[in-house]
């Protein structure tokens, strides 16, 4: 799989979408980045590292917002 995901290809069956849902669970189970990313890489070997890291960044941004102060 390439690093480019086209929005019109996304569906509940798309590998990146499935990996995103898996990342939600893994993010909650692990306090650091490596275990979650490692498990996603095992479950979804066709996803690029950039896509997997982007999933983690999204979860981290959602769960740990940065204060604007």
C-alpha atoms as a PDB file:
ATOM      1  CA  UNK A   1       0.000   0.000   0.000  1.00  0.00           C
ATOM      2  CA  UNK A   2       1.279   3.453  -0.777  1.00  0.00           C
ATOM      3  CA  UNK A   3       1.457   6.373   1.627  1.00  0.00           C
ATOM      4  CA  UNK A   4      -1.366   7.997  -0.314  1.00  0.00           C
ATOM      5  CA  UNK A   5      -4.894   7.134   0.698  1.00  0.00           C
ATOM      6  CA  UNK A   6      -7.598   8.524  -1.548  1.00  0.00           C
ATOM      7  CA  UNK A   7     -10.673   9.708   0.321  1.00  0.00           C
ATOM      8  CA  UNK A   8     -13.002   8.198  -2.258  1.00  0.00           C
ATOM      9  CA  UNK A   9     -11.522   4.752  -1.556  1.00  0.00           C
ATOM     10  CA  UNK A  10     -12.302   4.877   2.170  1.00  0.00           C
ATOM     11  CA  UNK A  11     -14.999   2.639   3.590  1.00  0.00           C
ATOM     12  CA  UNK A  12     -15.475   0.503   6.684  1.00  0.00           C
ATOM     13  CA  UNK A  13     -13.685  -2.277   4.804  1.00  0.00           C
ATOM     14  CA  UNK A  14     -10.587  -0.218   3.948  1.00  0.00           C
ATOM     15  CA  UNK A  15      -7.461  -1.487   5.684  1.00  0.00           C
ATOM     16  CA  UNK A  16      -6.545   1.964   7.009  1.00  0.00           C
ATOM     17  CA  UNK A  17     -10.027   2.440   8.499  1.00  0.00           C
ATOM     18  CA  UNK A  18      -9.857  -0.949  10.204  1.00  0.00           C
ATOM     19  CA  UNK A  19      -6.394  -0.086  11.509  1.00  0.00           C
ATOM     20  CA  UNK A  20      -7.745   3.214  12.820  1.00  0.00           C
ATOM     21  CA  UNK A  21     -10.361   1.411  14.868  1.00  0.00           C
ATOM     22  CA  UNK A  22      -7.741  -1.016  16.161  1.00  0.00           C
ATOM     23  CA  UNK A  23      -5.519   1.934  17.114  1.00  0.00           C
ATOM     24  CA  UNK A  24      -8.293   3.329  19.335  1.00  0.00           C
ATOM     25  CA  UNK A  25      -8.223   0.158  21.435  1.00  0.00           C
ATOM     26  CA  UNK A  26      -4.435  -0.153  21.421  1.00  0.00           C
ATOM     27  CA  UNK A  27      -3.900   3.491  22.318  1.00  0.00           C
ATOM     28  CA  UNK A  28      -6.024   3.016  25.429  1.00  0.00           C
ATOM     29  CA  UNK A  29      -4.073  -0.128  26.403  1.00  0.00           C
ATOM     30  CA  UNK A  30      -0.553   1.307  26.077  1.00  0.00           C
ATOM     31  CA  UNK A  31       0.982   4.410  27.615  1.00  0.00           C
ATOM     32  CA  UNK A  32       3.714   4.737  24.980  1.00  0.00           C
ATOM     33  CA  UNK A  33       3.773   4.829  21.201  1.00  0.00           C
ATOM     34  CA  UNK A  34       5.867   1.758  20.389  1.00  0.00           C
ATOM     35  CA  UNK A  35       3.591  -1.106  21.554  1.00  0.00           C
ATOM     36  CA  UNK A  36       0.539   0.295  19.765  1.00  0.00           C
ATOM     37  CA  UNK A  37       2.404   0.988  16.530  1.00  0.00           C
ATOM     38  CA  UNK A  38       4.136  -2.390  16.660  1.00  0.00           C
ATOM     39  CA  UNK A  39       0.830  -4.229  17.050  1.00  0.00           C
ATOM     40  CA  UNK A  40      -0.810  -2.299  14.190  1.00  0.00           C
ATOM     41  CA  UNK A  41       2.200  -3.083  11.989  1.00  0.00           C
ATOM     42  CA  UNK A  42       1.748  -6.802  12.768  1.00  0.00           C
ATOM     43  CA  UNK A  43      -2.003  -6.726  12.134  1.00  0.00           C
ATOM     44  CA  UNK A  44      -1.806  -4.539   9.010  1.00  0.00           C
ATOM     45  CA  UNK A  45       1.587  -5.172   7.366  1.00  0.00           C
ATOM     46  CA  UNK A  46       0.545  -3.507   4.105  1.00  0.00           C
ATOM     47  CA  UNK A  47       0.163  -0.097   5.741  1.00  0.00           C
ATOM     48  CA  UNK A  48       3.181   2.174   5.534  1.00  0.00           C
ATOM     49  CA  UNK A  49       4.916   3.405   8.654  1.00  0.00           C
ATOM     50  CA  UNK A  50       3.745   6.940   7.830  1.00  0.00           C
ATOM     51  CA  UNK A  51       0.093   5.869   7.771  1.00  0.00           C
ATOM     52  CA  UNK A  52       0.441   3.955  11.044  1.00  0.00           C
ATOM     53  CA  UNK A  53       2.195   6.856  12.748  1.00  0.00           C
ATOM     54  CA  UNK A  54      -0.517   9.211  11.480  1.00  0.00           C
ATOM     55  CA  UNK A  55      -3.121   7.001  13.176  1.00  0.00           C
ATOM     56  CA  UNK A  56      -1.259   7.272  16.472  1.00  0.00           C
ATOM     57  CA  UNK A  57      -0.800  11.041  16.086  1.00  0.00           C
ATOM     58  CA  UNK A  58      -4.540  11.411  15.530  1.00  0.00           C
ATOM     59  CA  UNK A  59      -5.351   9.466  18.676  1.00  0.00           C
ATOM     60  CA  UNK A  60      -2.765  11.381  20.677  1.00  0.00           C
ATOM     61  CA  UNK A  61      -4.117  14.721  19.455  1.00  0.00           C
ATOM     62  CA  UNK A  62      -7.652  13.690  20.380  1.00  0.00           C
ATOM     63  CA  UNK A  63      -6.777  12.323  23.809  1.00  0.00           C
ATOM     64  CA  UNK A  64      -4.066  14.803  24.809  1.00  0.00           C
ATOM     65  CA  UNK A  65      -4.971  18.252  23.473  1.00  0.00           C
ATOM     66  CA  UNK A  66      -2.265  20.883  23.674  1.00  0.00           C
ATOM     67  CA  UNK A  67      -3.193  23.949  25.669  1.00  0.00           C
ATOM     68  CA  UNK A  68      -3.070  27.207  23.745  1.00  0.00           C
ATOM     69  CA  UNK A  69      -1.993  29.122  26.870  1.00  0.00           C
END
